[in-house]
Amino acid sequence: MSKWNESKVEQESVRRHLCSEQCLQINIFTYIFFTAKDHKKLTFMYLANDVIQNSKKKGPEFGKEFGNVLKKAFENMAVPESDEKTRKSIERILEIWEERSVYEPKLIKEFRRGLGM
C-alpha cells in the first residue's frame, strides 16, 4: 500500500508540472498571437494546429486548455482584411480538427462563428 501511495504522489507531482508547463506554453502562444501583425497570425494557427495534434497523442488535457484560447484567437482573425486564401486555410484547419475529432463539433462551430463563417 505504501508503494502505491508513493507512486500516486509522484504521478500527481508530474501531472502538476506538466500542467504548469502547458499553461505556460498556452500563455506564451496567446501573448505572441495577439501581439502579432495580422499577416503573421495564420502562421501561428498552423503552429497551434501542430502542437495541439501532437499533444493529443499524450492525452486530451493540453488540447482542452488550448481550446479555451482559440475562440478568441479565431474572433481576432475575423477582420475584414483577411483575404480569401487565409479564410480557406483556417477552414481547412477546422475541417481537419473535425475529421480527426481534435475538438467536439460544438466547439468547432463556435470557432467558425468567431470567424464569422
C-alpha atoms as a PDB file:
ATOM      1  CA  MET A   1       0.000   0.000   0.000  1.00  0.00           C
ATOM      2  CA  SER A   2       2.854   2.365   0.809  1.00  0.00           C
ATOM      3  CA  LYS A   3       4.387   1.932  -2.645  1.00  0.00           C
ATOM      4  CA  TRP A   4       1.057   2.725  -4.263  1.00  0.00           C
ATOM      5  CA  ASN A   5       0.810   5.970  -2.299  1.00  0.00           C
ATOM      6  CA  GLU A   6       4.368   6.975  -3.263  1.00  0.00           C
ATOM      7  CA  SER A   7       3.630   6.221  -6.882  1.00  0.00           C
ATOM      8  CA  LYS A   8       0.396   8.189  -6.704  1.00  0.00           C
ATOM      9  CA  VAL A   9       2.212  11.183  -5.204  1.00  0.00           C
ATOM     10  CA  GLU A  10       4.864  11.018  -7.942  1.00  0.00           C
ATOM     11  CA  GLN A  11       2.187  10.870 -10.627  1.00  0.00           C
ATOM     12  CA  GLU A  12       0.418  13.872  -9.135  1.00  0.00           C
ATOM     13  CA  SER A  13       3.688  15.804  -8.996  1.00  0.00           C
ATOM     14  CA  VAL A  14       4.476  15.033 -12.641  1.00  0.00           C
ATOM     15  CA  ARG A  15       0.925  15.921 -13.683  1.00  0.00           C
ATOM     16  CA  ARG A  16       1.137  19.274 -11.888  1.00  0.00           C
ATOM     17  CA  HIS A  17       4.478  20.015 -13.528  1.00  0.00           C
ATOM     18  CA  LEU A  18       3.129  19.170 -16.979  1.00  0.00           C
ATOM     19  CA  CYS A  19       0.023  21.259 -16.412  1.00  0.00           C
ATOM     20  CA  SER A  20       2.087  24.254 -15.377  1.00  0.00           C
ATOM     21  CA  GLU A  21       4.328  23.768 -18.418  1.00  0.00           C
ATOM     22  CA  GLN A  22       1.286  23.512 -20.689  1.00  0.00           C
ATOM     23  CA  CYS A  23      -0.277  26.619 -19.169  1.00  0.00           C
ATOM     24  CA  LEU A  24       2.960  28.483 -19.741  1.00  0.00           C
ATOM     25  CA  GLN A  25       3.042  27.371 -23.382  1.00  0.00           C
ATOM     26  CA  ILE A  26      -0.555  28.481 -23.883  1.00  0.00           C
ATOM     27  CA  ASN A  27       0.150  31.845 -22.242  1.00  0.00           C
ATOM     28  CA  ILE A  28       3.176  32.372 -24.471  1.00  0.00           C
ATOM     29  CA  PHE A  29       1.154  31.474 -27.577  1.00  0.00           C
ATOM     30  CA  THR A  30      -1.622  33.829 -26.503  1.00  0.00           C
ATOM     31  CA  TYR A  31       0.741  36.738 -25.959  1.00  0.00           C
ATOM     32  CA  ILE A  32       2.623  36.217 -29.225  1.00  0.00           C
ATOM     33  CA  PHE A  33      -0.549  35.629 -31.253  1.00  0.00           C
ATOM     34  CA  PHE A  34      -2.401  38.706 -30.027  1.00  0.00           C
ATOM     35  CA  THR A  35       0.604  40.984 -30.440  1.00  0.00           C
ATOM     36  CA  ALA A  36       1.498  39.676 -33.915  1.00  0.00           C
ATOM     37  CA  LYS A  37       0.696  41.525 -37.114  1.00  0.00           C
ATOM     38  CA  ASP A  38      -2.391  40.201 -38.896  1.00  0.00           C
ATOM     39  CA  HIS A  39      -0.417  38.704 -41.774  1.00  0.00           C
ATOM     40  CA  LYS A  40       1.539  36.510 -39.287  1.00  0.00           C
ATOM     41  CA  LYS A  41      -1.458  35.073 -37.435  1.00  0.00           C
ATOM     42  CA  LEU A  42      -2.122  32.261 -39.907  1.00  0.00           C
ATOM     43  CA  THR A  43       1.407  31.005 -39.263  1.00  0.00           C
ATOM     44  CA  PHE A  44       0.659  30.898 -35.542  1.00  0.00           C
ATOM     45  CA  MET A  45      -2.568  28.992 -36.203  1.00  0.00           C
ATOM     46  CA  TYR A  46      -0.539  26.404 -38.142  1.00  0.00           C
ATOM     47  CA  LEU A  47       1.800  26.189 -35.170  1.00  0.00           C
ATOM     48  CA  ALA A  48      -1.123  25.780 -32.766  1.00  0.00           C
ATOM     49  CA  ASN A  49      -2.565  23.070 -35.016  1.00  0.00           C
ATOM     50  CA  ASP A  50       0.722  21.163 -34.978  1.00  0.00           C
ATOM     51  CA  VAL A  51       1.183  21.450 -31.212  1.00  0.00           C
ATOM     52  CA  ILE A  52      -2.418  20.503 -30.449  1.00  0.00           C
ATOM     53  CA  GLN A  53      -2.424  17.458 -32.712  1.00  0.00           C
ATOM     54  CA  ASN A  54       0.942  16.201 -31.462  1.00  0.00           C
ATOM     55  CA  SER A  55      -0.036  16.695 -27.827  1.00  0.00           C
ATOM     56  CA  LYS A  56      -3.273  14.782 -28.426  1.00  0.00           C
ATOM     57  CA  LYS A  57      -1.190  11.593 -28.536  1.00  0.00           C
ATOM     58  CA  LYS A  58      -0.169  12.218 -24.924  1.00  0.00           C
ATOM     59  CA  GLY A  59      -3.676  12.989 -23.697  1.00  0.00           C
ATOM     60  CA  PRO A  60      -6.536  15.439 -24.244  1.00  0.00           C
ATOM     61  CA  GLU A  61      -5.727  17.878 -21.439  1.00  0.00           C
ATOM     62  CA  PHE A  62      -3.495  20.243 -23.408  1.00  0.00           C
ATOM     63  CA  GLY A  63      -5.902  20.454 -26.330  1.00  0.00           C
ATOM     64  CA  LYS A  64      -8.772  21.237 -23.987  1.00  0.00           C
ATOM     65  CA  GLU A  65      -6.834  24.039 -22.334  1.00  0.00           C
ATOM     66  CA  PHE A  66      -5.763  25.393 -25.717  1.00  0.00           C
ATOM     67  CA  GLY A  67      -9.382  25.321 -26.868  1.00  0.00           C
ATOM     68  CA  ASN A  68     -10.228  27.964 -24.291  1.00  0.00           C
ATOM     69  CA  VAL A  69      -7.872  30.403 -26.036  1.00  0.00           C
ATOM     70  CA  LEU A  70      -8.693  29.507 -29.630  1.00  0.00           C
ATOM     71  CA  LYS A  71     -12.183  31.009 -29.741  1.00  0.00           C
ATOM     72  CA  LYS A  72     -10.735  34.446 -29.006  1.00  0.00           C
ATOM     73  CA  ALA A  73      -7.932  33.818 -31.486  1.00  0.00           C
ATOM     74  CA  PHE A  74     -10.437  32.998 -34.237  1.00  0.00           C
ATOM     75  CA  GLU A  75     -12.508  36.065 -33.360  1.00  0.00           C
ATOM     76  CA  ASN A  76      -9.333  38.117 -33.633  1.00  0.00           C
ATOM     77  CA  MET A  77      -8.753  36.758 -37.138  1.00  0.00           C
ATOM     78  CA  ALA A  78     -12.232  37.746 -38.311  1.00  0.00           C
ATOM     79  CA  VAL A  79     -11.061  41.097 -39.565  1.00  0.00           C
ATOM     80  CA  PRO A  80     -12.317  42.360 -42.930  1.00  0.00           C
ATOM     81  CA  GLU A  81      -8.736  42.484 -44.190  1.00  0.00           C
ATOM     82  CA  SER A  82      -8.457  38.669 -44.013  1.00  0.00           C
ATOM     83  CA  ASP A  83      -8.084  37.503 -47.555  1.00  0.00           C
ATOM     84  CA  GLU A  84      -9.861  34.540 -49.099  1.00  0.00           C
ATOM     85  CA  LYS A  85      -6.727  32.396 -49.005  1.00  0.00           C
ATOM     86  CA  THR A  86      -6.373  32.910 -45.250  1.00  0.00           C
ATOM     87  CA  ARG A  87     -10.038  32.089 -44.645  1.00  0.00           C
ATOM     88  CA  LYS A  88      -9.727  28.895 -46.710  1.00  0.00           C
ATOM     89  CA  SER A  89      -6.607  27.888 -44.806  1.00  0.00           C
ATOM     90  CA  ILE A  90      -8.341  28.405 -41.462  1.00  0.00           C
ATOM     91  CA  GLU A  91     -11.379  26.488 -42.695  1.00  0.00           C
ATOM     92  CA  ARG A  92      -9.066  23.623 -43.668  1.00  0.00           C
ATOM     93  CA  ILE A  93      -7.617  23.513 -40.141  1.00  0.00           C
ATOM     94  CA  LEU A  94     -11.144  23.333 -38.736  1.00  0.00           C
ATOM     95  CA  GLU A  95     -12.080  20.559 -41.183  1.00  0.00           C
ATOM     96  CA  ILE A  96      -9.039  18.558 -40.099  1.00  0.00           C
ATOM     97  CA  TRP A  97      -9.987  19.027 -36.452  1.00  0.00           C
ATOM     98  CA  GLU A  98     -13.463  17.751 -37.255  1.00  0.00           C
ATOM     99  CA  GLU A  99     -12.204  14.746 -39.210  1.00  0.00           C
ATOM    100  CA  ARG A 100      -9.725  13.780 -36.511  1.00  0.00           C
ATOM    101  CA  SER A 101     -12.036  14.620 -33.603  1.00  0.00           C
ATOM    102  CA  VAL A 102      -9.493  17.027 -32.166  1.00  0.00           C
ATOM    103  CA  TYR A 103     -12.353  19.124 -30.760  1.00  0.00           C
ATOM    104  CA  GLU A 104     -16.037  18.496 -30.248  1.00  0.00           C
ATOM    105  CA  PRO A 105     -18.255  19.604 -33.162  1.00  0.00           C
ATOM    106  CA  LYS A 106     -19.965  22.129 -30.888  1.00  0.00           C
ATOM    107  CA  LEU A 107     -16.643  23.858 -30.124  1.00  0.00           C
ATOM    108  CA  ILE A 108     -15.607  23.862 -33.784  1.00  0.00           C
ATOM    109  CA  LYS A 109     -18.938  25.510 -34.559  1.00  0.00           C
ATOM    110  CA  GLU A 110     -18.070  28.208 -32.006  1.00  0.00           C
ATOM    111  CA  PHE A 111     -14.683  28.680 -33.676  1.00  0.00           C
ATOM    112  CA  ARG A 112     -16.416  29.151 -37.049  1.00  0.00           C
ATOM    113  CA  ARG A 113     -18.884  31.558 -35.529  1.00  0.00           C
ATOM    114  CA  GLY A 114     -15.966  33.547 -34.102  1.00  0.00           C
ATOM    115  CA  LEU A 115     -14.522  33.773 -37.590  1.00  0.00           C
ATOM    116  CA  GLY A 116     -17.841  34.925 -38.969  1.00  0.00           C
ATOM    117  CA  MET A 117     -18.312  31.810 -41.092  1.00  0.00           C
END
